[in-house]
Amino acid sequence: QVQLVESGGGLVQAGGPLRLSCAASGLAFSTYHMGWFRQAPGKEREFVAAITWSGTNTSYADSVKGRSTISRDNAKNTVLLQMDSLKPEDTAVYYCAARALNIGRYDYWGQGTQVTVSS
């Protein structure tokens, strides 16, 4: 059974940092690309960042580019999202997701962790 468990969310002040973590189990983690998504109240879920299976390549949404870093540790089956200079508009539930190699969709999703940025 595949499980993705996010942690690290909470209430932070604008301008501050936050690090989200996703622990994966039940899958061959090093053969999956990983991504972070978020959904704000009343909005569609949106892409935040992604990292390839090896960690060689990363991509970011324009809204977080330059102040976020995605990384992974295949030995620990974890993927991290470091976010700096947080803004109130970063408030959302953040989800970790896994996509198998050569598959165009994310098949596995975590339950999400709430991030609230106060102004």
PDB file of N, CA and C in Angstrom:
ATOM      1  N   GLN A   1       0.837  -1.191   0.000  1.00  0.00           N
ATOM      2  CA  GLN A   1       0.000   0.000   0.000  1.00  0.00           C
ATOM      3  C   GLN A   1       0.877   1.247   0.000  1.00  0.00           C
ATOM      4  N   VAL A   2       0.668   2.066  -1.000  1.00  0.00           N
ATOM      5  CA  VAL A   2       1.454   3.286  -1.120  1.00  0.00           C
ATOM      6  C   VAL A   2       0.931   4.337  -0.147  1.00  0.00           C
ATOM      7  N   GLN A   3       1.855   4.949   0.561  1.00  0.00           N
ATOM      8  CA  GLN A   3       1.499   6.044   1.452  1.00  0.00           C
ATOM      9  C   GLN A   3       2.460   7.205   1.264  1.00  0.00           C
ATOM     10  N   LEU A   4       1.897   8.381   1.155  1.00  0.00           N
ATOM     11  CA  LEU A   4       2.661   9.611   1.135  1.00  0.00           C
ATOM     12  C   LEU A   4       2.153  10.460   2.294  1.00  0.00           C
ATOM     13  N   VAL A   5       3.037  10.799   3.207  1.00  0.00           N
ATOM     14  CA  VAL A   5       2.627  11.511   4.413  1.00  0.00           C
ATOM     15  C   VAL A   5       3.388  12.831   4.506  1.00  0.00           C
ATOM     16  N   GLU A   6       2.636  13.907   4.393  1.00  0.00           N
ATOM     17  CA  GLU A   6       3.234  15.236   4.479  1.00  0.00           C
ATOM     18  C   GLU A   6       3.307  15.706   5.928  1.00  0.00           C
ATOM     19  N   SER A   7       4.296  16.541   6.197  1.00  0.00           N
ATOM     20  CA  SER A   7       4.421  17.159   7.509  1.00  0.00           C
ATOM     21  C   SER A   7       5.138  18.486   7.352  1.00  0.00           C
ATOM     22  N   GLY A   8       5.084  19.278   8.405  1.00  0.00           N
ATOM     23  CA  GLY A   8       5.798  20.547   8.401  1.00  0.00           C
ATOM     24  C   GLY A   8       4.939  21.768   8.196  1.00  0.00           C
ATOM     25  N   GLY A   9       3.672  21.561   7.942  1.00  0.00           N
ATOM     26  CA  GLY A   9       2.785  22.703   7.767  1.00  0.00           C
ATOM     27  C   GLY A   9       2.515  23.398   9.082  1.00  0.00           C
ATOM     28  N   GLY A  10       1.853  24.535   8.999  1.00  0.00           N
ATOM     29  CA  GLY A  10       1.513  25.271  10.207  1.00  0.00           C
ATOM     30  C   GLY A  10       1.244  26.718   9.911  1.00  0.00           C
ATOM     31  N   LEU A  11       1.242  27.512  10.960  1.00  0.00           N
ATOM     32  CA  LEU A  11       1.006  28.948  10.845  1.00  0.00           C
ATOM     33  C   LEU A  11       2.344  29.677  10.896  1.00  0.00           C
ATOM     34  N   VAL A  12       2.610  30.471   9.883  1.00  0.00           N
ATOM     35  CA  VAL A  12       3.857  31.221   9.833  1.00  0.00           C
ATOM     36  C   VAL A  12       3.560  32.666   9.451  1.00  0.00           C
ATOM     37  N   GLN A  13       4.449  33.545   9.823  1.00  0.00           N
ATOM     38  CA  GLN A  13       4.301  34.952   9.461  1.00  0.00           C
ATOM     39  C   GLN A  13       4.831  35.211   8.063  1.00  0.00           C
ATOM     40  N   ALA A  14       4.242  36.155   7.417  1.00  0.00           N
ATOM     41  CA  ALA A  14       4.713  36.536   6.087  1.00  0.00           C
ATOM     42  C   ALA A  14       6.186  36.907   6.157  1.00  0.00           C
ATOM     43  N   GLY A  15       6.910  36.451   5.151  1.00  0.00           N
ATOM     44  CA  GLY A  15       8.340  36.705   5.100  1.00  0.00           C
ATOM     45  C   GLY A  15       9.176  35.596   5.701  1.00  0.00           C
ATOM     46  N   GLY A  16       8.535  34.719   6.407  1.00  0.00           N
ATOM     47  CA  GLY A  16       9.248  33.645   7.067  1.00  0.00           C
ATOM     48  C   GLY A  16       9.445  32.427   6.190  1.00  0.00           C
ATOM     49  N   PRO A  17      10.219  31.463   6.686  1.00  0.00           N
ATOM     50  CA  PRO A  17      10.460  30.229   5.947  1.00  0.00           C
ATOM     51  C   PRO A  17       9.600  29.077   6.476  1.00  0.00           C
ATOM     52  N   LEU A  18       9.534  28.052   5.650  1.00  0.00           N
ATOM     53  CA  LEU A  18       8.833  26.836   6.057  1.00  0.00           C
ATOM     54  C   LEU A  18       9.412  25.689   5.258  1.00  0.00           C
ATOM     55  N   ARG A  19       9.528  24.555   5.895  1.00  0.00           N
ATOM     56  CA  ARG A  19      10.008  23.374   5.185  1.00  0.00           C
ATOM     57  C   ARG A  19       8.985  22.268   5.323  1.00  0.00           C
ATOM     58  N   LEU A  20       8.513  21.818   4.194  1.00  0.00           N
ATOM     59  CA  LEU A  20       7.571  20.715   4.151  1.00  0.00           C
ATOM     60  C   LEU A  20       8.317  19.427   3.821  1.00  0.00           C
ATOM     61  N   SER A  21       7.857  18.354   4.427  1.00  0.00           N
ATOM     62  CA  SER A  21       8.471  17.056   4.190  1.00  0.00           C
ATOM     63  C   SER A  21       7.407  16.053   3.776  1.00  0.00           C
ATOM     64  N   CYS A  22       7.788  15.117   2.940  1.00  0.00           N
ATOM     65  CA  CYS A  22       6.884  14.052   2.507  1.00  0.00           C
ATOM     66  C   CYS A  22       7.627  12.731   2.648  1.00  0.00           C
ATOM     67  N   ALA A  23       7.068  11.853   3.441  1.00  0.00           N
ATOM     68  CA  ALA A  23       7.647  10.530   3.625  1.00  0.00           C
ATOM     69  C   ALA A  23       6.849   9.518   2.819  1.00  0.00           C
ATOM     70  N   ALA A  24       7.546   8.778   1.992  1.00  0.00           N
ATOM     71  CA  ALA A  24       6.895   7.817   1.106  1.00  0.00           C
ATOM     72  C   ALA A  24       7.178   6.396   1.561  1.00  0.00           C
ATOM     73  N   SER A  25       6.182   5.532   1.378  1.00  0.00           N
ATOM     74  CA  SER A  25       6.354   4.115   1.674  1.00  0.00           C
ATOM     75  C   SER A  25       5.471   3.311   0.732  1.00  0.00           C
ATOM     76  N   GLY A  26       5.835   2.043   0.567  1.00  0.00           N
ATOM     77  CA  GLY A  26       5.033   1.165  -0.267  1.00  0.00           C
ATOM     78  C   GLY A  26       5.282   1.287  -1.763  1.00  0.00           C
ATOM     79  N   LEU A  27       6.322   2.006  -2.128  1.00  0.00           N
ATOM     80  CA  LEU A  27       6.656   2.135  -3.549  1.00  0.00           C
ATOM     81  C   LEU A  27       8.170   2.214  -3.701  1.00  0.00           C
ATOM     82  N   ALA A  28       8.631   1.903  -4.895  1.00  0.00           N
ATOM     83  CA  ALA A  28      10.066   1.997  -5.186  1.00  0.00           C
ATOM     84  C   ALA A  28      10.379   3.472  -5.412  1.00  0.00           C
ATOM     85  N   PHE A  29      10.616   4.166  -4.329  1.00  0.00           N
ATOM     86  CA  PHE A  29      10.677   5.628  -4.340  1.00  0.00           C
ATOM     87  C   PHE A  29      11.627   6.177  -5.399  1.00  0.00           C
ATOM     88  N   SER A  30      12.771   5.556  -5.555  1.00  0.00           N
ATOM     89  CA  SER A  30      13.770   6.099  -6.473  1.00  0.00           C
ATOM     90  C   SER A  30      13.389   5.952  -7.935  1.00  0.00           C
ATOM     91  N   THR A  31      12.257   5.298  -8.206  1.00  0.00           N
ATOM     92  CA  THR A  31      11.796   5.174  -9.586  1.00  0.00           C
ATOM     93  C   THR A  31      10.595   6.079  -9.858  1.00  0.00           C
ATOM     94  N   TYR A  32      10.327   6.981  -8.934  1.00  0.00           N
ATOM     95  CA  TYR A  32       9.207   7.904  -9.094  1.00  0.00           C
ATOM     96  C   TYR A  32       9.680   9.362  -9.123  1.00  0.00           C
ATOM     97  N   HIS A  33       9.107  10.107 -10.046  1.00  0.00           N
ATOM     98  CA  HIS A  33       9.226  11.555  -9.979  1.00  0.00           C
ATOM     99  C   HIS A  33       8.278  12.029  -8.886  1.00  0.00           C
ATOM    100  N   MET A  34       8.647  13.095  -8.220  1.00  0.00           N
ATOM    101  CA  MET A  34       7.836  13.593  -7.113  1.00  0.00           C
ATOM    102  C   MET A  34       7.449  15.052  -7.345  1.00  0.00           C
ATOM    103  N   GLY A  35       6.283  15.393  -6.818  1.00  0.00           N
ATOM    104  CA  GLY A  35       5.829  16.766  -6.978  1.00  0.00           C
ATOM    105  C   GLY A  35       5.122  17.277  -5.741  1.00  0.00           C
ATOM    106  N   TRP A  36       5.055  18.594  -5.660  1.00  0.00           N
ATOM    107  CA  TRP A  36       4.266  19.272  -4.640  1.00  0.00           C
ATOM    108  C   TRP A  36       3.196  20.098  -5.354  1.00  0.00           C
ATOM    109  N   PHE A  37       2.011  20.036  -4.810  1.00  0.00           N
ATOM    110  CA  PHE A  37       0.881  20.803  -5.311  1.00  0.00           C
ATOM    111  C   PHE A  37       0.230  21.500  -4.124  1.00  0.00           C
ATOM    112  N   ARG A  38      -0.618  22.458  -4.414  1.00  0.00           N
ATOM    113  CA  ARG A  38      -1.336  23.119  -3.331  1.00  0.00           C
ATOM    114  C   ARG A  38      -2.729  23.513  -3.783  1.00  0.00           C
ATOM    115  N   GLN A  39      -3.604  23.642  -2.820  1.00  0.00           N
ATOM    116  CA  GLN A  39      -4.967  24.075  -3.104  1.00  0.00           C
ATOM    117  C   GLN A  39      -5.411  25.062  -2.048  1.00  0.00           C
ATOM    118  N   ALA A  40      -5.687  26.251  -2.495  1.00  0.00           N
ATOM    119  CA  ALA A  40      -6.188  27.297  -1.613  1.00  0.00           C
ATOM    120  C   ALA A  40      -7.712  27.237  -1.564  1.00  0.00           C
ATOM    121  N   PRO A  41      -8.317  27.767  -0.513  1.00  0.00           N
ATOM    122  CA  PRO A  41      -9.775  27.737  -0.405  1.00  0.00           C
ATOM    123  C   PRO A  41     -10.449  28.353  -1.625  1.00  0.00           C
ATOM    124  N   GLY A  42     -11.378  27.626  -2.213  1.00  0.00           N
ATOM    125  CA  GLY A  42     -12.122  28.135  -3.351  1.00  0.00           C
ATOM    126  C   GLY A  42     -11.380  28.128  -4.663  1.00  0.00           C
ATOM    127  N   LYS A  43     -10.190  27.527  -4.670  1.00  0.00           N
ATOM    128  CA  LYS A  43      -9.392  27.501  -5.897  1.00  0.00           C
ATOM    129  C   LYS A  43      -9.077  26.071  -6.312  1.00  0.00           C
ATOM    130  N   GLU A  44      -8.661  25.945  -7.571  1.00  0.00           N
ATOM    131  CA  GLU A  44      -8.250  24.649  -8.076  1.00  0.00           C
ATOM    132  C   GLU A  44      -6.880  24.282  -7.507  1.00  0.00           C
ATOM    133  N   ARG A  45      -6.622  22.997  -7.452  1.00  0.00           N
ATOM    134  CA  ARG A  45      -5.294  22.555  -7.046  1.00  0.00           C
ATOM    135  C   ARG A  45      -4.298  22.971  -8.122  1.00  0.00           C
ATOM    136  N   GLU A  46      -3.145  23.449  -7.687  1.00  0.00           N
ATOM    137  CA  GLU A  46      -2.151  23.916  -8.642  1.00  0.00           C
ATOM    138  C   GLU A  46      -0.780  23.328  -8.356  1.00  0.00           C
ATOM    139  N   PHE A  47      -0.006  23.252  -9.415  1.00  0.00           N
ATOM    140  CA  PHE A  47       1.359  22.752  -9.336  1.00  0.00           C
ATOM    141  C   PHE A  47       2.238  23.751  -8.596  1.00  0.00           C
ATOM    142  N   VAL A  48       3.149  23.221  -7.761  1.00  0.00           N
ATOM    143  CA  VAL A  48       4.111  24.071  -7.056  1.00  0.00           C
ATOM    144  C   VAL A  48       5.537  23.768  -7.506  1.00  0.00           C
ATOM    145  N   ALA A  49       5.918  22.493  -7.409  1.00  0.00           N
ATOM    146  CA  ALA A  49       7.290  22.129  -7.763  1.00  0.00           C
ATOM    147  C   ALA A  49       7.358  20.639  -8.046  1.00  0.00           C
ATOM    148  N   ALA A  50       8.391  20.235  -8.785  1.00  0.00           N
ATOM    149  CA  ALA A  50       8.590  18.829  -9.092  1.00  0.00           C
ATOM    150  C   ALA A  50      10.069  18.522  -9.171  1.00  0.00           C
ATOM    151  N   ILE A  51      10.376  17.254  -8.958  1.00  0.00           N
ATOM    152  CA  ILE A  51      11.760  16.799  -9.024  1.00  0.00           C
ATOM    153  C   ILE A  51      11.781  15.421  -9.654  1.00  0.00           C
ATOM    154  N   THR A  52      12.752  15.190 -10.530  1.00  0.00           N
ATOM    155  CA  THR A  52      12.848  13.904 -11.190  1.00  0.00           C
ATOM    156  C   THR A  52      13.355  12.826 -10.229  1.00  0.00           C
ATOM    157  N   TRP A  53      13.257  11.585 -10.683  1.00  0.00           N
ATOM    158  CA  TRP A  53      13.583  10.455  -9.819  1.00  0.00           C
ATOM    159  C   TRP A  53      14.991  10.536  -9.239  1.00  0.00           C
ATOM    160  N   SER A  54      15.909  11.061 -10.014  1.00  0.00           N
ATOM    161  CA  SER A  54      17.298  11.117  -9.575  1.00  0.00           C
ATOM    162  C   SER A  54      17.605  12.404  -8.828  1.00  0.00           C
ATOM    163  N   GLY A  55      16.703  13.356  -8.894  1.00  0.00           N
ATOM    164  CA  GLY A  55      16.962  14.659  -8.294  1.00  0.00           C
ATOM    165  C   GLY A  55      17.723  15.598  -9.201  1.00  0.00           C
ATOM    166  N   THR A  56      17.998  15.147 -10.410  1.00  0.00           N
ATOM    167  CA  THR A  56      18.810  15.950 -11.319  1.00  0.00           C
ATOM    168  C   THR A  56      18.080  17.190 -11.813  1.00  0.00           C
ATOM    169  N   ASN A  57      16.801  17.024 -12.087  1.00  0.00           N
ATOM    170  CA  ASN A  57      16.034  18.128 -12.659  1.00  0.00           C
ATOM    171  C   ASN A  57      14.884  18.528 -11.754  1.00  0.00           C
ATOM    172  N   THR A  58      14.672  19.821 -11.677  1.00  0.00           N
ATOM    173  CA  THR A  58      13.565  20.360 -10.891  1.00  0.00           C
ATOM    174  C   THR A  58      12.805  21.391 -11.715  1.00  0.00           C
ATOM    175  N   SER A  59      11.582  21.624 -11.328  1.00  0.00           N
ATOM    176  CA  SER A  59      10.789  22.662 -11.969  1.00  0.00           C
ATOM    177  C   SER A  59       9.891  23.303 -10.924  1.00  0.00           C
ATOM    178  N   TYR A  60       9.523  24.572 -11.189  1.00  0.00           N
ATOM    179  CA  TYR A  60       8.765  25.333 -10.212  1.00  0.00           C
ATOM    180  C   TYR A  60       7.687  26.163 -10.902  1.00  0.00           C
ATOM    181  N   ALA A  61       6.622  26.372 -10.176  1.00  0.00           N
ATOM    182  CA  ALA A  61       5.630  27.323 -10.642  1.00  0.00           C
ATOM    183  C   ALA A  61       6.220  28.731 -10.549  1.00  0.00           C
ATOM    184  N   ASP A  62       5.798  29.582 -11.442  1.00  0.00           N
ATOM    185  CA  ASP A  62       6.318  30.953 -11.433  1.00  0.00           C
ATOM    186  C   ASP A  62       6.062  31.637 -10.085  1.00  0.00           C
ATOM    187  N   SER A  63       4.965  31.280  -9.452  1.00  0.00           N
ATOM    188  CA  SER A  63       4.582  31.940  -8.205  1.00  0.00           C
ATOM    189  C   SER A  63       5.541  31.648  -7.053  1.00  0.00           C
ATOM    190  N   VAL A  64       6.311  30.576  -7.149  1.00  0.00           N
ATOM    191  CA  VAL A  64       7.233  30.222  -6.059  1.00  0.00           C
ATOM    192  C   VAL A  64       8.683  30.201  -6.508  1.00  0.00           C
ATOM    193  N   LYS A  65       8.919  30.360  -7.790  1.00  0.00           N
ATOM    194  CA  LYS A  65      10.275  30.285  -8.325  1.00  0.00           C
ATOM    195  C   LYS A  65      11.147  31.344  -7.685  1.00  0.00           C
ATOM    196  N   GLY A  66      12.333  30.947  -7.306  1.00  0.00           N
ATOM    197  CA  GLY A  66      13.276  31.879  -6.703  1.00  0.00           C
ATOM    198  C   GLY A  66      13.203  31.934  -5.193  1.00  0.00           C
ATOM    199  N   ARG A  67      12.159  31.391  -4.615  1.00  0.00           N
ATOM    200  CA  ARG A  67      12.060  31.387  -3.162  1.00  0.00           C
ATOM    201  C   ARG A  67      11.680  30.016  -2.614  1.00  0.00           C
ATOM    202  N   SER A  68      11.739  29.016  -3.491  1.00  0.00           N
ATOM    203  CA  SER A  68      11.425  27.648  -3.068  1.00  0.00           C
ATOM    204  C   SER A  68      12.461  26.691  -3.635  1.00  0.00           C
ATOM    205  N   THR A  69      12.709  25.628  -2.890  1.00  0.00           N
ATOM    206  CA  THR A  69      13.634  24.599  -3.337  1.00  0.00           C
ATOM    207  C   THR A  69      13.055  23.233  -3.028  1.00  0.00           C
ATOM    208  N   ILE A  70      12.956  22.402  -4.049  1.00  0.00           N
ATOM    209  CA  ILE A  70      12.520  21.029  -3.851  1.00  0.00           C
ATOM    210  C   ILE A  70      13.753  20.133  -3.884  1.00  0.00           C
ATOM    211  N   SER A  71      13.772  19.141  -3.012  1.00  0.00           N
ATOM    212  CA  SER A  71      14.896  18.210  -2.968  1.00  0.00           C
ATOM    213  C   SER A  71      14.374  16.851  -2.521  1.00  0.00           C
ATOM    214  N   ARG A  72      15.213  15.845  -2.673  1.00  0.00           N
ATOM    215  CA  ARG A  72      14.804  14.503  -2.278  1.00  0.00           C
ATOM    216  C   ARG A  72      15.996  13.737  -1.740  1.00  0.00           C
ATOM    217  N   ASP A  73      15.680  12.752  -0.908  1.00  0.00           N
ATOM    218  CA  ASP A  73      16.683  11.837  -0.389  1.00  0.00           C
ATOM    219  C   ASP A  73      16.163  10.433  -0.662  1.00  0.00           C
ATOM    220  N   ASN A  74      16.699   9.804  -1.688  1.00  0.00           N
ATOM    221  CA  ASN A  74      16.208   8.480  -2.072  1.00  0.00           C
ATOM    222  C   ASN A  74      16.552   7.414  -1.044  1.00  0.00           C
ATOM    223  N   ALA A  75      17.550   7.655  -0.253  1.00  0.00           N
ATOM    224  CA  ALA A  75      17.911   6.695   0.798  1.00  0.00           C
ATOM    225  C   ALA A  75      16.901   6.716   1.941  1.00  0.00           C
ATOM    226  N   LYS A  76      16.247   7.869   2.108  1.00  0.00           N
ATOM    227  CA  LYS A  76      15.273   8.025   3.182  1.00  0.00           C
ATOM    228  C   LYS A  76      13.833   8.080   2.682  1.00  0.00           C
ATOM    229  N   ASN A  77      13.659   7.938   1.383  1.00  0.00           N
ATOM    230  CA  ASN A  77      12.311   7.981   0.787  1.00  0.00           C
ATOM    231  C   ASN A  77      11.556   9.246   1.172  1.00  0.00           C
ATOM    232  N   THR A  78      12.241  10.363   1.091  1.00  0.00           N
ATOM    233  CA  THR A  78      11.612  11.628   1.450  1.00  0.00           C
ATOM    234  C   THR A  78      11.848  12.682   0.368  1.00  0.00           C
ATOM    235  N   VAL A  79      10.908  13.578   0.293  1.00  0.00           N
ATOM    236  CA  VAL A  79      11.032  14.736  -0.587  1.00  0.00           C
ATOM    237  C   VAL A  79      10.694  15.968   0.249  1.00  0.00           C
ATOM    238  N   LEU A  80      11.464  17.003   0.060  1.00  0.00           N
ATOM    239  CA  LEU A  80      11.319  18.224   0.847  1.00  0.00           C
ATOM    240  C   LEU A  80      10.950  19.401  -0.055  1.00  0.00           C
ATOM    241  N   LEU A  81      10.252  20.336   0.547  1.00  0.00           N
ATOM    242  CA  LEU A  81       9.987  21.602  -0.122  1.00  0.00           C
ATOM    243  C   LEU A  81      10.325  22.708   0.865  1.00  0.00           C
ATOM    244  N   GLN A  82      11.398  23.407   0.582  1.00  0.00           N
ATOM    245  CA  GLN A  82      11.798  24.552   1.374  1.00  0.00           C
ATOM    246  C   GLN A  82      11.211  25.803   0.740  1.00  0.00           C
ATOM    247  N   MET A  83      10.452  26.543   1.515  1.00  0.00           N
ATOM    248  CA  MET A  83       9.849  27.774   1.008  1.00  0.00           C
ATOM    249  C   MET A  83      10.306  28.939   1.865  1.00  0.00           C
ATOM    250  N   ASP A  84      10.778  29.978   1.232  1.00  0.00           N
ATOM    251  CA  ASP A  84      11.230  31.178   1.919  1.00  0.00           C
ATOM    252  C   ASP A  84      10.385  32.373   1.483  1.00  0.00           C
ATOM    253  N   SER A  85      10.520  33.437   2.246  1.00  0.00           N
ATOM    254  CA  SER A  85       9.791  34.677   1.924  1.00  0.00           C
ATOM    255  C   SER A  85       8.315  34.392   1.673  1.00  0.00           C
ATOM    256  N   LEU A  86       7.725  33.687   2.592  1.00  0.00           N
ATOM    257  CA  LEU A  86       6.333  33.289   2.414  1.00  0.00           C
ATOM    258  C   LEU A  86       5.407  34.493   2.344  1.00  0.00           C
ATOM    259  N   LYS A  87       4.346  34.344   1.545  1.00  0.00           N
ATOM    260  CA  LYS A  87       3.360  35.389   1.351  1.00  0.00           C
ATOM    261  C   LYS A  87       1.987  34.867   1.776  1.00  0.00           C
ATOM    262  N   PRO A  88       1.086  35.755   2.136  1.00  0.00           N
ATOM    263  CA  PRO A  88      -0.267  35.295   2.484  1.00  0.00           C
ATOM    264  C   PRO A  88      -0.907  34.458   1.377  1.00  0.00           C
ATOM    265  N   GLU A  89      -0.585  34.755   0.134  1.00  0.00           N
ATOM    266  CA  GLU A  89      -1.160  33.990  -0.972  1.00  0.00           C
ATOM    267  C   GLU A  89      -0.578  32.587  -1.096  1.00  0.00           C
ATOM    268  N   ASP A  90       0.414  32.255  -0.292  1.00  0.00           N
ATOM    269  CA  ASP A  90       0.911  30.888  -0.231  1.00  0.00           C
ATOM    270  C   ASP A  90       0.043  30.020   0.672  1.00  0.00           C
ATOM    271  N   THR A  91      -0.896  30.615   1.351  1.00  0.00           N
ATOM    272  CA  THR A  91      -1.790  29.858   2.221  1.00  0.00           C
ATOM    273  C   THR A  91      -2.577  28.843   1.407  1.00  0.00           C
ATOM    274  N   ALA A  92      -2.469  27.583   1.802  1.00  0.00           N
ATOM    275  CA  ALA A  92      -3.122  26.503   1.066  1.00  0.00           C
ATOM    276  C   ALA A  92      -2.852  25.182   1.787  1.00  0.00           C
ATOM    277  N   VAL A  93      -3.530  24.163   1.325  1.00  0.00           N
ATOM    278  CA  VAL A  93      -3.166  22.804   1.704  1.00  0.00           C
ATOM    279  C   VAL A  93      -2.156  22.313   0.684  1.00  0.00           C
ATOM    280  N   TYR A  94      -1.043  21.821   1.168  1.00  0.00           N
ATOM    281  CA  TYR A  94       0.031  21.361   0.296  1.00  0.00           C
ATOM    282  C   TYR A  94       0.038  19.837   0.236  1.00  0.00           C
ATOM    283  N   TYR A  95       0.113  19.348  -0.988  1.00  0.00           N
ATOM    284  CA  TYR A  95       0.069  17.910  -1.229  1.00  0.00           C
ATOM    285  C   TYR A  95       1.356  17.434  -1.899  1.00  0.00           C
ATOM    286  N   CYS A  96       1.779  16.280  -1.468  1.00  0.00           N
ATOM    287  CA  CYS A  96       2.883  15.573  -2.094  1.00  0.00           C
ATOM    288  C   CYS A  96       2.282  14.546  -3.059  1.00  0.00           C
ATOM    289  N   ALA A  97       2.940  14.327  -4.181  1.00  0.00           N
ATOM    290  CA  ALA A  97       2.430  13.376  -5.163  1.00  0.00           C
ATOM    291  C   ALA A  97       3.575  12.645  -5.844  1.00  0.00           C
ATOM    292  N   ALA A  98       3.278  11.430  -6.306  1.00  0.00           N
ATOM    293  CA  ALA A  98       4.283  10.594  -6.958  1.00  0.00           C
ATOM    294  C   ALA A  98       3.830  10.207  -8.358  1.00  0.00           C
ATOM    295  N   ARG A  99       4.773  10.248  -9.282  1.00  0.00           N
ATOM    296  CA  ARG A  99       4.485   9.900 -10.682  1.00  0.00           C
ATOM    297  C   ARG A  99       5.535   8.910 -11.157  1.00  0.00           C
ATOM    298  N   ALA A 100       5.060   7.766 -11.643  1.00  0.00           N
ATOM    299  CA  ALA A 100       5.991   6.746 -12.120  1.00  0.00           C
ATOM    300  C   ALA A 100       6.703   7.233 -13.375  1.00  0.00           C
ATOM    301  N   LEU A 101       7.880   6.707 -13.610  1.00  0.00           N
ATOM    302  CA  LEU A 101       8.640   7.074 -14.807  1.00  0.00           C
ATOM    303  C   LEU A 101       7.817   6.758 -16.047  1.00  0.00           C
ATOM    304  N   ASN A 102       7.873   7.618 -17.007  1.00  0.00           N
ATOM    305  CA  ASN A 102       7.186   7.452 -18.284  1.00  0.00           C
ATOM    306  C   ASN A 102       5.667   7.477 -18.180  1.00  0.00           C
ATOM    307  N   ILE A 103       5.172   7.907 -17.037  1.00  0.00           N
ATOM    308  CA  ILE A 103       3.728   8.072 -16.869  1.00  0.00           C
ATOM    309  C   ILE A 103       3.451   9.560 -16.740  1.00  0.00           C
ATOM    310  N   GLY A 104       2.456  10.043 -17.441  1.00  0.00           N
ATOM    311  CA  GLY A 104       2.216  11.478 -17.473  1.00  0.00           C
ATOM    312  C   GLY A 104       1.400  12.033 -16.338  1.00  0.00           C
ATOM    313  N   ARG A 105       0.882  11.192 -15.490  1.00  0.00           N
ATOM    314  CA  ARG A 105       0.030  11.687 -14.404  1.00  0.00           C
ATOM    315  C   ARG A 105       0.596  11.258 -13.066  1.00  0.00           C
ATOM    316  N   TYR A 106       0.204  12.009 -12.036  1.00  0.00           N
ATOM    317  CA  TYR A 106       0.562  11.641 -10.680  1.00  0.00           C
ATOM    318  C   TYR A 106      -0.477  10.643 -10.165  1.00  0.00           C
ATOM    319  N   ASP A 107      -0.012   9.478  -9.810  1.00  0.00           N
ATOM    320  CA  ASP A 107      -0.917   8.416  -9.412  1.00  0.00           C
ATOM    321  C   ASP A 107      -1.176   8.353  -7.919  1.00  0.00           C
ATOM    322  N   TYR A 108      -0.218   8.842  -7.157  1.00  0.00           N
ATOM    323  CA  TYR A 108      -0.346   8.733  -5.704  1.00  0.00           C
ATOM    324  C   TYR A 108      -0.256  10.108  -5.065  1.00  0.00           C
ATOM    325  N   TRP A 109      -1.123  10.301  -4.070  1.00  0.00           N
ATOM    326  CA  TRP A 109      -1.225  11.593  -3.404  1.00  0.00           C
ATOM    327  C   TRP A 109      -1.263  11.420  -1.901  1.00  0.00           C
ATOM    328  N   GLY A 110      -0.685  12.388  -1.209  1.00  0.00           N
ATOM    329  CA  GLY A 110      -0.800  12.415   0.228  1.00  0.00           C
ATOM    330  C   GLY A 110      -2.090  13.080   0.666  1.00  0.00           C
ATOM    331  N   GLN A 111      -2.287  13.140   1.966  1.00  0.00           N
ATOM    332  CA  GLN A 111      -3.503  13.736   2.519  1.00  0.00           C
ATOM    333  C   GLN A 111      -3.401  15.253   2.619  1.00  0.00           C
ATOM    334  N   GLY A 112      -2.205  15.764   2.543  1.00  0.00           N
ATOM    335  CA  GLY A 112      -2.027  17.212   2.571  1.00  0.00           C
ATOM    336  C   GLY A 112      -1.667  17.739   3.945  1.00  0.00           C
ATOM    337  N   THR A 113      -1.017  18.890   3.938  1.00  0.00           N
ATOM    338  CA  THR A 113      -0.684  19.587   5.172  1.00  0.00           C
ATOM    339  C   THR A 113      -1.022  21.061   4.995  1.00  0.00           C
ATOM    340  N   GLN A 114      -1.659  21.634   5.988  1.00  0.00           N
ATOM    341  CA  GLN A 114      -2.120  23.011   5.893  1.00  0.00           C
ATOM    342  C   GLN A 114      -0.981  23.982   6.165  1.00  0.00           C
ATOM    343  N   VAL A 115      -0.847  24.947   5.290  1.00  0.00           N
ATOM    344  CA  VAL A 115       0.089  26.049   5.489  1.00  0.00           C
ATOM    345  C   VAL A 115      -0.718  27.342   5.512  1.00  0.00           C
ATOM    346  N   THR A 116      -0.582  28.087   6.579  1.00  0.00           N
ATOM    347  CA  THR A 116      -1.272  29.367   6.699  1.00  0.00           C
ATOM    348  C   THR A 116      -0.240  30.453   6.950  1.00  0.00           C
ATOM    349  N   VAL A 117      -0.245  31.453   6.089  1.00  0.00           N
ATOM    350  CA  VAL A 117       0.704  32.551   6.198  1.00  0.00           C
ATOM    351  C   VAL A 117      -0.055  33.797   6.626  1.00  0.00           C
ATOM    352  N   SER A 118       0.307  34.325   7.768  1.00  0.00           N
ATOM    353  CA  SER A 118      -0.368  35.514   8.282  1.00  0.00           C
ATOM    354  C   SER A 118       0.389  36.770   7.865  1.00  0.00           C
ATOM    355  N   SER A 119      -0.365  37.808   7.599  1.00  0.00           N
ATOM    356  CA  SER A 119       0.248  39.066   7.153  1.00  0.00           C
ATOM    357  C   SER A 119       0.563  39.983   8.326  1.00  0.00           C
TER     358      SER A 119
END
